Amino acid sequence: MTRTQYTRYTLRLSPAAAGGTAPASSALAPAPAEPYDDWSGAAAYASGPDPQALDYVEPEAVQLIGALQPAGWEELDAGRTLRFWLEEGRDAASATVATLRRLGERGRLEVSRERPGWEDAWRRFHKPHVIGRLYLRPPWYPARDDLLDIVVEAGLAFGTGGHASTRQCLEEIQEIPPGRLLDLGSGSGVVSFAALRLGFAPVWGIDIDPVAVHAAAGNAAMNELAPTFMVGDATEPAYPLPEADTVVANIALNPILRLARRFAGPQGATAEGVAPAGAAPPGAAPAGLRPEHLLLAGLLVEQEEPAAAAFPGYDTAARRDDGTWLMLHLVRRP
């Protein structure tokens, strides 16, 4: 059987493109060998011009790479180095050549042909995670009888259980009585699957990225679970949301602050009012949310005060942090 060959592209953003002052340069050169770095998704974000936000270091480069390789890419060096792979021969297409040229203008674009079979090597990096009663595993590991099983195909969307913010949410939902749960920024769907395994129902997941929602649907089929996944911007006031007892928002400070504005509106829309995908239908009324439990994650520890202050009707019941990443569990006041 003939195996597909791949070419690796490594874009090292110039200081100017990554927020510095040096002029940008363009180059195609052999890629030097370097140690493996984390590609769980954490390095995709860095402190941007807005100190209250976590943004891509160079969003235009990410947008160009996403158009070339929507299945995903790797971020290293705090997001200043971007790496992606293309099937051999794709770089001959005129549109691809033009995009690669535009990427090269943002820094140093290094090109290297991967050895046959390299695409299987990343499996050695992805290991199972035991998080309380949950067992998160890639599909090539067997299930465990003593733990609640969750299978996640890595590499398609953020959330394999390895990142601190995901682990914090998974730990904390095990301390909450099961009920209706809304997973905002659902990514690969791992929090939604964990909630169903723990007895929450119904469970909805919303993500602004259609690639993530597609990946989550595939993971749901592997787990034989049926949460409802939707594409949309949950921070948009006109986007209908279901009433939920627990809302998990593993996103970032700025979208969390936008989400907080929805808590000042009328009681939330019913589950039947949820838009199946994309924006809400014309004329939809803003929906207010009053869940009993709010889990806010994807925050940096120094962002605790503005995040908590944005929800004046709630008290902090618990917090988890690893020195960098923070999760707040807020409980609605009577």
C-alpha atoms as a PDB file:
ATOM      1  CA  MET A   1       0.000   0.000   0.000  1.00  0.00           C
ATOM      2  CA  THR A   2       1.354   3.424  -0.963  1.00  0.00           C
ATOM      3  CA  ARG A   3       1.456   5.827   1.966  1.00  0.00           C
ATOM      4  CA  THR A   4       0.706   9.510   1.612  1.00  0.00           C
ATOM      5  CA  GLN A   5       3.776  11.714   1.822  1.00  0.00           C
ATOM      6  CA  TYR A   6       3.664  14.982   3.727  1.00  0.00           C
ATOM      7  CA  THR A   7       5.630  18.218   3.686  1.00  0.00           C
ATOM      8  CA  ARG A   8       6.171  20.106   6.925  1.00  0.00           C
ATOM      9  CA  TYR A   9       6.055  23.910   6.950  1.00  0.00           C
ATOM     10  CA  THR A  10       7.413  25.862   9.923  1.00  0.00           C
ATOM     11  CA  LEU A  11       6.708  29.592  10.048  1.00  0.00           C
ATOM     12  CA  ARG A  12       8.939  31.486  12.453  1.00  0.00           C
ATOM     13  CA  LEU A  13       7.217  34.830  12.783  1.00  0.00           C
ATOM     14  CA  SER A  14       9.439  37.876  12.489  1.00  0.00           C
ATOM     15  CA  PRO A  15       9.563  40.173  15.557  1.00  0.00           C
ATOM     16  CA  ALA A  16       7.478  42.709  13.645  1.00  0.00           C
ATOM     17  CA  ALA A  17       4.764  40.172  12.797  1.00  0.00           C
ATOM     18  CA  ALA A  18       4.754  38.831  16.357  1.00  0.00           C
ATOM     19  CA  GLY A  19       4.388  42.270  17.896  1.00  0.00           C
ATOM     20  CA  GLY A  20       7.998  43.446  17.848  1.00  0.00           C
ATOM     21  CA  THR A  21       9.718  46.161  15.855  1.00  0.00           C
ATOM     22  CA  ALA A  22      12.220  44.429  13.580  1.00  0.00           C
ATOM     23  CA  PRO A  23      11.418  44.318   9.842  1.00  0.00           C
ATOM     24  CA  ALA A  24       9.878  41.173   8.449  1.00  0.00           C
ATOM     25  CA  SER A  25      11.852  38.873   6.187  1.00  0.00           C
ATOM     26  CA  SER A  26      10.902  36.135   3.790  1.00  0.00           C
ATOM     27  CA  ALA A  27      12.735  32.866   3.339  1.00  0.00           C
ATOM     28  CA  LEU A  28      12.335  29.222   2.408  1.00  0.00           C
ATOM     29  CA  ALA A  29      14.991  27.110   4.084  1.00  0.00           C
ATOM     30  CA  PRO A  30      15.539  23.559   5.406  1.00  0.00           C
ATOM     31  CA  ALA A  31      14.048  23.185   8.869  1.00  0.00           C
ATOM     32  CA  PRO A  32      16.578  22.551  11.653  1.00  0.00           C
ATOM     33  CA  ALA A  33      16.024  19.738  14.118  1.00  0.00           C
ATOM     34  CA  GLU A  34      14.529  20.883  17.428  1.00  0.00           C
ATOM     35  CA  PRO A  35      12.973  19.307  20.524  1.00  0.00           C
ATOM     36  CA  TYR A  36       9.295  18.461  20.545  1.00  0.00           C
ATOM     37  CA  ASP A  37       7.025  21.075  22.080  1.00  0.00           C
ATOM     38  CA  ASP A  38       3.501  21.104  23.471  1.00  0.00           C
ATOM     39  CA  TRP A  39       0.748  21.207  20.851  1.00  0.00           C
ATOM     40  CA  SER A  40      -2.247  20.740  23.133  1.00  0.00           C
ATOM     41  CA  GLY A  41      -3.526  24.190  22.252  1.00  0.00           C
ATOM     42  CA  ALA A  42      -2.116  26.190  25.163  1.00  0.00           C
ATOM     43  CA  ALA A  43       0.636  27.754  23.087  1.00  0.00           C
ATOM     44  CA  ALA A  44      -1.876  28.960  20.531  1.00  0.00           C
ATOM     45  CA  TYR A  45      -2.594  31.886  22.754  1.00  0.00           C
ATOM     46  CA  ALA A  46      -0.450  34.625  24.247  1.00  0.00           C
ATOM     47  CA  SER A  47      -1.088  37.970  25.877  1.00  0.00           C
ATOM     48  CA  GLY A  48      -2.068  40.315  23.055  1.00  0.00           C
ATOM     49  CA  PRO A  49      -2.330  44.116  22.920  1.00  0.00           C
ATOM     50  CA  ASP A  50      -5.373  43.897  25.186  1.00  0.00           C
ATOM     51  CA  PRO A  51      -4.040  42.693  28.572  1.00  0.00           C
ATOM     52  CA  GLN A  52      -7.475  41.253  29.405  1.00  0.00           C
ATOM     53  CA  ALA A  53      -7.524  38.967  26.372  1.00  0.00           C
ATOM     54  CA  LEU A  54      -5.772  35.886  25.123  1.00  0.00           C
ATOM     55  CA  ASP A  55      -5.258  36.311  21.413  1.00  0.00           C
ATOM     56  CA  TYR A  56      -3.267  34.687  18.678  1.00  0.00           C
ATOM     57  CA  VAL A  57       0.136  36.339  18.408  1.00  0.00           C
ATOM     58  CA  GLU A  58      -0.385  36.799  14.672  1.00  0.00           C
ATOM     59  CA  PRO A  59      -4.057  36.152  13.781  1.00  0.00           C
ATOM     60  CA  GLU A  60      -3.605  36.811  10.055  1.00  0.00           C
ATOM     61  CA  ALA A  61      -0.994  34.064   9.808  1.00  0.00           C
ATOM     62  CA  VAL A  62      -3.284  31.695  11.716  1.00  0.00           C
ATOM     63  CA  GLN A  63      -6.133  32.545   9.341  1.00  0.00           C
ATOM     64  CA  LEU A  64      -3.965  31.779   6.306  1.00  0.00           C
ATOM     65  CA  ILE A  65      -2.778  28.479   7.777  1.00  0.00           C
ATOM     66  CA  GLY A  66      -6.323  27.546   8.736  1.00  0.00           C
ATOM     67  CA  ALA A  67      -7.382  28.007   5.120  1.00  0.00           C
ATOM     68  CA  LEU A  68      -4.593  25.681   3.990  1.00  0.00           C
ATOM     69  CA  GLN A  69      -4.968  23.084   6.739  1.00  0.00           C
ATOM     70  CA  PRO A  70      -8.332  23.349   8.539  1.00  0.00           C
ATOM     71  CA  ALA A  71      -7.701  20.085  10.429  1.00  0.00           C
ATOM     72  CA  GLY A  72      -5.195  21.879  12.652  1.00  0.00           C
ATOM     73  CA  TRP A  73      -1.636  23.045  13.148  1.00  0.00           C
ATOM     74  CA  GLU A  74       0.976  23.196  15.857  1.00  0.00           C
ATOM     75  CA  GLU A  75       2.018  26.226  17.886  1.00  0.00           C
ATOM     76  CA  LEU A  76       5.420  26.496  19.549  1.00  0.00           C
ATOM     77  CA  ASP A  77       7.431  29.186  21.302  1.00  0.00           C
ATOM     78  CA  ALA A  78       4.350  30.840  22.859  1.00  0.00           C
ATOM     79  CA  GLY A  79       2.655  31.092  19.464  1.00  0.00           C
ATOM     80  CA  ARG A  80       5.566  32.778  17.666  1.00  0.00           C
ATOM     81  CA  THR A  81       6.262  29.620  15.652  1.00  0.00           C
ATOM     82  CA  LEU A  82       3.490  27.952  13.651  1.00  0.00           C
ATOM     83  CA  ARG A  83       3.819  24.539  12.053  1.00  0.00           C
ATOM     84  CA  PHE A  84       1.521  22.668   9.697  1.00  0.00           C
ATOM     85  CA  TRP A  85       1.594  19.806   7.216  1.00  0.00           C
ATOM     86  CA  LEU A  86       0.328  19.450   3.652  1.00  0.00           C
ATOM     87  CA  GLU A  87       0.015  16.360   1.530  1.00  0.00           C
ATOM     88  CA  GLU A  88       2.775  16.207  -1.030  1.00  0.00           C
ATOM     89  CA  GLY A  89       1.722  17.823  -4.299  1.00  0.00           C
ATOM     90  CA  ARG A  90      -0.713  20.309  -2.790  1.00  0.00           C
ATOM     91  CA  ASP A  91       1.956  23.005  -2.865  1.00  0.00           C
ATOM     92  CA  ALA A  92       1.813  22.935  -6.672  1.00  0.00           C
ATOM     93  CA  ALA A  93      -1.659  24.486  -6.744  1.00  0.00           C
ATOM     94  CA  SER A  94      -1.560  28.170  -7.611  1.00  0.00           C
ATOM     95  CA  ALA A  95      -3.759  29.186  -4.657  1.00  0.00           C
ATOM     96  CA  THR A  96      -1.536  27.265  -2.244  1.00  0.00           C
ATOM     97  CA  VAL A  97       1.604  28.829  -3.712  1.00  0.00           C
ATOM     98  CA  ALA A  98       0.104  32.292  -3.229  1.00  0.00           C
ATOM     99  CA  THR A  99      -0.831  31.560   0.389  1.00  0.00           C
ATOM    100  CA  LEU A 100       2.605  30.131   1.170  1.00  0.00           C
ATOM    101  CA  ARG A 101       4.181  33.248  -0.304  1.00  0.00           C
ATOM    102  CA  ARG A 102       2.018  35.444   1.951  1.00  0.00           C
ATOM    103  CA  LEU A 103       3.039  33.372   4.964  1.00  0.00           C
ATOM    104  CA  GLY A 104       6.692  33.744   3.996  1.00  0.00           C
ATOM    105  CA  GLU A 105       6.276  37.512   4.095  1.00  0.00           C
ATOM    106  CA  ARG A 106       5.462  37.242   7.806  1.00  0.00           C
ATOM    107  CA  GLY A 107       8.723  35.630   8.806  1.00  0.00           C
ATOM    108  CA  ARG A 108      10.913  32.662   7.912  1.00  0.00           C
ATOM    109  CA  LEU A 109       9.041  29.778   6.297  1.00  0.00           C
ATOM    110  CA  GLU A 110      10.994  26.531   6.539  1.00  0.00           C
ATOM    111  CA  VAL A 111      10.127  23.497   4.444  1.00  0.00           C
ATOM    112  CA  SER A 112      10.967  19.842   5.107  1.00  0.00           C
ATOM    113  CA  ARG A 113       9.663  16.564   3.705  1.00  0.00           C
ATOM    114  CA  GLU A 114       8.591  14.184   6.449  1.00  0.00           C
ATOM    115  CA  ARG A 115       9.858  10.625   6.554  1.00  0.00           C
ATOM    116  CA  PRO A 116       7.288   7.905   5.751  1.00  0.00           C
ATOM    117  CA  GLY A 117       5.221   6.910   8.756  1.00  0.00           C
ATOM    118  CA  TRP A 118       5.869  10.097  10.723  1.00  0.00           C
ATOM    119  CA  GLU A 119       2.127  10.761  11.057  1.00  0.00           C
ATOM    120  CA  ASP A 120       1.837   7.792  13.414  1.00  0.00           C
ATOM    121  CA  ALA A 121       4.601   9.002  15.732  1.00  0.00           C
ATOM    122  CA  TRP A 122       2.425  11.607  17.472  1.00  0.00           C
ATOM    123  CA  ARG A 123       0.412   8.783  19.020  1.00  0.00           C
ATOM    124  CA  ARG A 124       3.272   8.220  21.458  1.00  0.00           C
ATOM    125  CA  PHE A 125       2.699  11.716  22.803  1.00  0.00           C
ATOM    126  CA  HIS A 126      -1.010  11.313  23.551  1.00  0.00           C
ATOM    127  CA  LYS A 127      -1.555   9.310  26.723  1.00  0.00           C
ATOM    128  CA  PRO A 128      -4.697   8.607  28.757  1.00  0.00           C
ATOM    129  CA  HIS A 129      -5.619  10.949  31.620  1.00  0.00           C
ATOM    130  CA  VAL A 130      -7.293   9.917  34.874  1.00  0.00           C
ATOM    131  CA  ILE A 131      -9.277  12.862  36.244  1.00  0.00           C
ATOM    132  CA  GLY A 132     -11.268  11.830  39.282  1.00  0.00           C
ATOM    133  CA  ARG A 133     -13.828   9.266  38.114  1.00  0.00           C
ATOM    134  CA  LEU A 134     -13.102   9.985  34.454  1.00  0.00           C
ATOM    135  CA  TYR A 135     -10.742   8.173  32.091  1.00  0.00           C
ATOM    136  CA  LEU A 136      -9.895  10.221  28.990  1.00  0.00           C
ATOM    137  CA  ARG A 137      -8.094   8.251  26.335  1.00  0.00           C
ATOM    138  CA  PRO A 138      -7.202   8.293  22.656  1.00  0.00           C
ATOM    139  CA  PRO A 139      -8.925   5.501  20.711  1.00  0.00           C
ATOM    140  CA  TRP A 140      -5.826   3.293  20.514  1.00  0.00           C
ATOM    141  CA  TYR A 141      -5.877   2.735  24.325  1.00  0.00           C
ATOM    142  CA  PRO A 142      -8.378   0.293  25.875  1.00  0.00           C
ATOM    143  CA  ALA A 143     -11.101   1.364  28.290  1.00  0.00           C
ATOM    144  CA  ARG A 144     -10.908   0.758  32.042  1.00  0.00           C
ATOM    145  CA  ASP A 145     -13.744  -0.950  33.876  1.00  0.00           C
ATOM    146  CA  ASP A 146     -13.254   1.073  37.058  1.00  0.00           C
ATOM    147  CA  LEU A 147     -13.583   4.533  35.472  1.00  0.00           C
ATOM    148  CA  LEU A 148     -16.050   6.433  33.282  1.00  0.00           C
ATOM    149  CA  ASP A 149     -14.728   6.115  29.746  1.00  0.00           C
ATOM    150  CA  ILE A 150     -14.298   9.034  27.327  1.00  0.00           C
ATOM    151  CA  VAL A 151     -12.625   8.566  23.946  1.00  0.00           C
ATOM    152  CA  VAL A 152     -11.198  11.637  22.207  1.00  0.00           C
ATOM    153  CA  GLU A 153      -9.576  11.661  18.777  1.00  0.00           C
ATOM    154  CA  ALA A 154      -6.682  14.072  19.240  1.00  0.00           C
ATOM    155  CA  GLY A 155      -5.489  16.654  16.772  1.00  0.00           C
ATOM    156  CA  LEU A 156      -8.796  17.916  15.359  1.00  0.00           C
ATOM    157  CA  ALA A 157      -9.921  20.450  17.956  1.00  0.00           C
ATOM    158  CA  PHE A 158      -8.850  21.867  21.279  1.00  0.00           C
ATOM    159  CA  GLY A 159      -9.529  19.658  24.288  1.00  0.00           C
ATOM    160  CA  THR A 160      -7.955  16.247  24.896  1.00  0.00           C
ATOM    161  CA  GLY A 161      -7.931  16.624  28.669  1.00  0.00           C
ATOM    162  CA  GLY A 162      -4.245  17.454  28.841  1.00  0.00           C
ATOM    163  CA  HIS A 163      -4.545  21.226  29.156  1.00  0.00           C
ATOM    164  CA  ALA A 164      -4.921  22.722  32.630  1.00  0.00           C
ATOM    165  CA  SER A 165      -8.139  24.609  31.872  1.00  0.00           C
ATOM    166  CA  THR A 166      -9.858  21.454  30.586  1.00  0.00           C
ATOM    167  CA  ARG A 167      -8.676  19.407  33.571  1.00  0.00           C
ATOM    168  CA  GLN A 168      -9.919  22.082  35.990  1.00  0.00           C
ATOM    169  CA  CYS A 169     -13.400  22.000  34.439  1.00  0.00           C
ATOM    170  CA  LEU A 170     -13.495  18.203  34.464  1.00  0.00           C
ATOM    171  CA  GLU A 171     -12.452  18.093  38.103  1.00  0.00           C
ATOM    172  CA  GLU A 172     -15.004  20.678  39.168  1.00  0.00           C
ATOM    173  CA  ILE A 173     -18.089  19.316  37.379  1.00  0.00           C
ATOM    174  CA  GLN A 174     -17.649  16.147  39.442  1.00  0.00           C
ATOM    175  CA  GLU A 175     -18.485  18.303  42.498  1.00  0.00           C
ATOM    176  CA  ILE A 176     -21.770  19.616  41.034  1.00  0.00           C
ATOM    177  CA  PRO A 177     -25.171  17.851  41.231  1.00  0.00           C
ATOM    178  CA  PRO A 178     -26.137  16.612  37.742  1.00  0.00           C
ATOM    179  CA  GLY A 179     -28.679  18.618  35.780  1.00  0.00           C
ATOM    180  CA  ARG A 180     -28.932  20.460  32.479  1.00  0.00           C
ATOM    181  CA  LEU A 181     -25.497  21.560  31.256  1.00  0.00           C
ATOM    182  CA  LEU A 182     -24.365  24.045  28.623  1.00  0.00           C
ATOM    183  CA  ASP A 183     -20.753  23.730  27.407  1.00  0.00           C
ATOM    184  CA  LEU A 184     -19.562  26.999  25.816  1.00  0.00           C
ATOM    185  CA  GLY A 185     -16.405  26.767  23.741  1.00  0.00           C
ATOM    186  CA  SER A 186     -17.020  23.031  23.517  1.00  0.00           C
ATOM    187  CA  GLY A 187     -14.011  22.286  21.266  1.00  0.00           C
ATOM    188  CA  SER A 188     -13.557  18.524  20.893  1.00  0.00           C
ATOM    189  CA  GLY A 189     -16.573  17.924  23.153  1.00  0.00           C
ATOM    190  CA  VAL A 190     -14.700  16.386  26.068  1.00  0.00           C
ATOM    191  CA  VAL A 191     -16.535  18.387  28.773  1.00  0.00           C
ATOM    192  CA  SER A 192     -19.896  17.559  27.186  1.00  0.00           C
ATOM    193  CA  PHE A 193     -19.046  13.844  27.107  1.00  0.00           C
ATOM    194  CA  ALA A 194     -17.831  13.900  30.701  1.00  0.00           C
ATOM    195  CA  ALA A 195     -21.046  15.608  31.787  1.00  0.00           C
ATOM    196  CA  LEU A 196     -23.185  12.919  30.149  1.00  0.00           C
ATOM    197  CA  ARG A 197     -21.095  10.158  31.730  1.00  0.00           C
ATOM    198  CA  LEU A 198     -21.565  11.846  35.114  1.00  0.00           C
ATOM    199  CA  GLY A 199     -25.350  11.944  34.730  1.00  0.00           C
ATOM    200  CA  PHE A 200     -25.970  15.471  33.422  1.00  0.00           C
ATOM    201  CA  ALA A 201     -28.784  15.692  30.884  1.00  0.00           C
ATOM    202  CA  PRO A 202     -29.574  17.208  28.541  1.00  0.00           C
ATOM    203  CA  VAL A 203     -26.170  18.544  27.487  1.00  0.00           C
ATOM    204  CA  TRP A 204     -25.554  21.192  24.818  1.00  0.00           C
ATOM    205  CA  GLY A 205     -22.213  22.314  23.389  1.00  0.00           C
ATOM    206  CA  ILE A 206     -21.622  25.507  21.411  1.00  0.00           C
ATOM    207  CA  ASP A 207     -18.455  26.529  19.600  1.00  0.00           C
ATOM    208  CA  ILE A 208     -17.771  29.353  17.173  1.00  0.00           C
ATOM    209  CA  ASP A 209     -15.504  27.087  15.071  1.00  0.00           C
ATOM    210  CA  PRO A 210     -17.331  24.750  12.650  1.00  0.00           C
ATOM    211  CA  VAL A 211     -14.216  22.527  12.419  1.00  0.00           C
ATOM    212  CA  ALA A 212     -14.389  21.985  16.175  1.00  0.00           C
ATOM    213  CA  VAL A 213     -18.095  21.170  16.042  1.00  0.00           C
ATOM    214  CA  HIS A 214     -17.486  18.666  13.241  1.00  0.00           C
ATOM    215  CA  ALA A 215     -14.721  17.026  15.292  1.00  0.00           C
ATOM    216  CA  ALA A 216     -16.945  16.933  18.378  1.00  0.00           C
ATOM    217  CA  ALA A 217     -19.710  15.203  16.431  1.00  0.00           C
ATOM    218  CA  GLY A 218     -17.235  12.523  15.356  1.00  0.00           C
ATOM    219  CA  ASN A 219     -16.054  12.069  18.933  1.00  0.00           C
ATOM    220  CA  ALA A 220     -19.679  11.792  20.084  1.00  0.00           C
ATOM    221  CA  ALA A 221     -20.235   8.919  17.654  1.00  0.00           C
ATOM    222  CA  MET A 222     -17.137   7.111  18.964  1.00  0.00           C
ATOM    223  CA  ASN A 223     -18.447   7.463  22.531  1.00  0.00           C
ATOM    224  CA  GLU A 224     -22.012   6.499  21.565  1.00  0.00           C
ATOM    225  CA  LEU A 225     -23.214   9.672  23.274  1.00  0.00           C
ATOM    226  CA  ALA A 226     -25.654  12.269  21.987  1.00  0.00           C
ATOM    227  CA  PRO A 227     -25.071  15.800  23.229  1.00  0.00           C
ATOM    228  CA  THR A 228     -26.410  18.554  20.999  1.00  0.00           C
ATOM    229  CA  PHE A 229     -23.568  20.460  19.343  1.00  0.00           C
ATOM    230  CA  MET A 230     -24.143  23.795  17.618  1.00  0.00           C
ATOM    231  CA  VAL A 231     -22.084  26.367  15.749  1.00  0.00           C
ATOM    232  CA  GLY A 232     -22.500  29.898  17.026  1.00  0.00           C
ATOM    233  CA  ASP A 233     -21.240  32.776  19.138  1.00  0.00           C
ATOM    234  CA  ALA A 234     -22.773  32.327  22.581  1.00  0.00           C
ATOM    235  CA  THR A 235     -21.679  35.836  23.582  1.00  0.00           C
ATOM    236  CA  GLU A 236     -23.895  37.383  20.905  1.00  0.00           C
ATOM    237  CA  PRO A 237     -27.038  38.691  22.690  1.00  0.00           C
ATOM    238  CA  ALA A 238     -29.369  37.619  19.868  1.00  0.00           C
ATOM    239  CA  TYR A 239     -28.153  34.005  19.829  1.00  0.00           C
ATOM    240  CA  PRO A 240     -30.777  31.870  21.661  1.00  0.00           C
ATOM    241  CA  LEU A 241     -29.412  29.670  24.427  1.00  0.00           C
ATOM    242  CA  PRO A 242     -31.077  26.885  26.384  1.00  0.00           C
ATOM    243  CA  GLU A 243     -31.841  27.204  30.073  1.00  0.00           C
ATOM    244  CA  ALA A 244     -29.235  25.226  31.984  1.00  0.00           C
ATOM    245  CA  ASP A 245     -28.488  24.470  35.617  1.00  0.00           C
ATOM    246  CA  THR A 246     -24.740  24.529  34.936  1.00  0.00           C
ATOM    247  CA  VAL A 247     -22.825  26.557  32.367  1.00  0.00           C
ATOM    248  CA  VAL A 248     -19.179  25.749  31.603  1.00  0.00           C
ATOM    249  CA  ALA A 249     -17.350  28.539  29.755  1.00  0.00           C
ATOM    250  CA  ASN A 250     -13.795  27.379  29.037  1.00  0.00           C
ATOM    251  CA  ILE A 251     -12.941  30.300  26.776  1.00  0.00           C
ATOM    252  CA  ALA A 252     -10.990  33.462  27.735  1.00  0.00           C
ATOM    253  CA  LEU A 253     -11.562  36.662  29.684  1.00  0.00           C
ATOM    254  CA  ASN A 254     -12.906  38.907  26.928  1.00  0.00           C
ATOM    255  CA  PRO A 255     -15.580  36.465  25.696  1.00  0.00           C
ATOM    256  CA  ILE A 256     -16.431  35.713  29.336  1.00  0.00           C
ATOM    257  CA  LEU A 257     -17.009  39.436  29.929  1.00  0.00           C
ATOM    258  CA  ARG A 258     -19.204  39.614  26.835  1.00  0.00           C
ATOM    259  CA  LEU A 259     -21.101  36.555  28.048  1.00  0.00           C
ATOM    260  CA  ALA A 260     -21.702  38.213  31.416  1.00  0.00           C
ATOM    261  CA  ARG A 261     -23.870  40.867  29.771  1.00  0.00           C
ATOM    262  CA  ARG A 262     -26.389  38.175  28.926  1.00  0.00           C
ATOM    263  CA  PHE A 263     -26.975  37.499  32.613  1.00  0.00           C
ATOM    264  CA  ALA A 264     -28.624  40.890  33.012  1.00  0.00           C
ATOM    265  CA  GLY A 265     -31.408  40.088  30.530  1.00  0.00           C
ATOM    266  CA  PRO A 266     -34.722  38.245  30.951  1.00  0.00           C
ATOM    267  CA  GLN A 267     -34.898  34.585  31.839  1.00  0.00           C
ATOM    268  CA  GLY A 268     -33.136  32.446  29.219  1.00  0.00           C
ATOM    269  CA  ALA A 269     -34.747  30.912  26.193  1.00  0.00           C
ATOM    270  CA  THR A 270     -36.020  27.382  26.393  1.00  0.00           C
ATOM    271  CA  ALA A 271     -34.180  24.504  24.790  1.00  0.00           C
ATOM    272  CA  GLU A 272     -36.658  24.621  21.919  1.00  0.00           C
ATOM    273  CA  GLY A 273     -35.436  28.148  21.171  1.00  0.00           C
ATOM    274  CA  VAL A 274     -31.880  27.087  20.466  1.00  0.00           C
ATOM    275  CA  ALA A 275     -30.690  27.921  16.962  1.00  0.00           C
ATOM    276  CA  PRO A 276     -29.422  24.742  15.254  1.00  0.00           C
ATOM    277  CA  ALA A 277     -26.341  26.496  13.803  1.00  0.00           C
ATOM    278  CA  GLY A 278     -24.903  29.920  13.135  1.00  0.00           C
ATOM    279  CA  ALA A 279     -26.562  33.165  14.190  1.00  0.00           C
ATOM    280  CA  ALA A 280     -29.978  33.389  15.778  1.00  0.00           C
ATOM    281  CA  PRO A 281     -32.995  33.812  13.502  1.00  0.00           C
ATOM    282  CA  PRO A 282     -33.987  37.424  12.653  1.00  0.00           C
ATOM    283  CA  GLY A 283     -35.990  39.090  15.380  1.00  0.00           C
ATOM    284  CA  ALA A 284     -34.900  36.706  18.151  1.00  0.00           C
ATOM    285  CA  ALA A 285     -35.025  38.320  21.574  1.00  0.00           C
ATOM    286  CA  PRO A 286     -31.904  38.498  23.740  1.00  0.00           C
ATOM    287  CA  ALA A 287     -31.785  35.650  26.207  1.00  0.00           C
ATOM    288  CA  GLY A 288     -30.725  36.126  29.825  1.00  0.00           C
ATOM    289  CA  LEU A 289     -29.146  33.254  31.710  1.00  0.00           C
ATOM    290  CA  ARG A 290     -29.511  32.409  35.388  1.00  0.00           C
ATOM    291  CA  PRO A 291     -27.841  29.016  35.898  1.00  0.00           C
ATOM    292  CA  GLU A 292     -27.204  27.777  39.391  1.00  0.00           C
ATOM    293  CA  HIS A 293     -23.558  27.010  38.664  1.00  0.00           C
ATOM    294  CA  LEU A 294     -21.074  28.853  36.457  1.00  0.00           C
ATOM    295  CA  LEU A 295     -17.620  27.479  35.642  1.00  0.00           C
ATOM    296  CA  LEU A 296     -15.358  30.132  34.125  1.00  0.00           C
ATOM    297  CA  ALA A 297     -12.085  28.795  32.718  1.00  0.00           C
ATOM    298  CA  GLY A 298      -9.373  29.639  30.223  1.00  0.00           C
ATOM    299  CA  LEU A 299      -8.462  32.513  32.540  1.00  0.00           C
ATOM    300  CA  LEU A 300      -5.044  33.575  33.739  1.00  0.00           C
ATOM    301  CA  VAL A 301      -4.659  33.822  37.517  1.00  0.00           C
ATOM    302  CA  GLU A 302      -4.308  37.609  37.338  1.00  0.00           C
ATOM    303  CA  GLN A 303      -7.709  37.849  35.634  1.00  0.00           C
ATOM    304  CA  GLU A 304      -9.679  36.540  38.616  1.00  0.00           C
ATOM    305  CA  GLU A 305     -10.963  39.907  39.871  1.00  0.00           C
ATOM    306  CA  PRO A 306     -12.492  41.224  36.616  1.00  0.00           C
ATOM    307  CA  ALA A 307     -13.976  37.806  35.795  1.00  0.00           C
ATOM    308  CA  ALA A 308     -15.691  37.423  39.179  1.00  0.00           C
ATOM    309  CA  ALA A 309     -16.821  41.069  39.243  1.00  0.00           C
ATOM    310  CA  ALA A 310     -18.621  40.639  35.914  1.00  0.00           C
ATOM    311  CA  PHE A 311     -21.201  38.363  37.599  1.00  0.00           C
ATOM    312  CA  PRO A 312     -22.530  40.391  40.573  1.00  0.00           C
ATOM    313  CA  GLY A 313     -25.358  37.950  41.233  1.00  0.00           C
ATOM    314  CA  TYR A 314     -22.915  35.136  41.983  1.00  0.00           C
ATOM    315  CA  ASP A 315     -20.492  34.159  44.737  1.00  0.00           C
ATOM    316  CA  THR A 316     -17.245  32.247  44.280  1.00  0.00           C
ATOM    317  CA  ALA A 317     -17.765  28.733  45.607  1.00  0.00           C
ATOM    318  CA  ALA A 318     -14.416  27.260  44.486  1.00  0.00           C
ATOM    319  CA  ARG A 319     -11.332  28.079  42.459  1.00  0.00           C
ATOM    320  CA  ARG A 320      -8.615  25.964  40.897  1.00  0.00           C
ATOM    321  CA  ASP A 321      -5.313  27.243  39.570  1.00  0.00           C
ATOM    322  CA  ASP A 322      -1.941  25.809  38.640  1.00  0.00           C
ATOM    323  CA  GLY A 323      -0.045  29.059  39.019  1.00  0.00           C
ATOM    324  CA  THR A 324      -0.918  30.142  35.475  1.00  0.00           C
ATOM    325  CA  TRP A 325      -4.403  28.976  34.521  1.00  0.00           C
ATOM    326  CA  LEU A 326      -7.467  29.652  36.652  1.00  0.00           C
ATOM    327  CA  MET A 327     -10.969  28.202  36.895  1.00  0.00           C
ATOM    328  CA  LEU A 328     -13.698  29.889  38.965  1.00  0.00           C
ATOM    329  CA  HIS A 329     -16.820  28.081  40.166  1.00  0.00           C
ATOM    330  CA  LEU A 330     -19.528  30.674  40.786  1.00  0.00           C
ATOM    331  CA  VAL A 331     -22.848  29.868  42.479  1.00  0.00           C
ATOM    332  CA  ARG A 332     -25.978  31.974  42.041  1.00  0.00           C
ATOM    333  CA  ARG A 333     -27.112  33.918  45.078  1.00  0.00           C
ATOM    334  CA  PRO A 334     -30.606  33.043  46.386  1.00  0.00           C
END
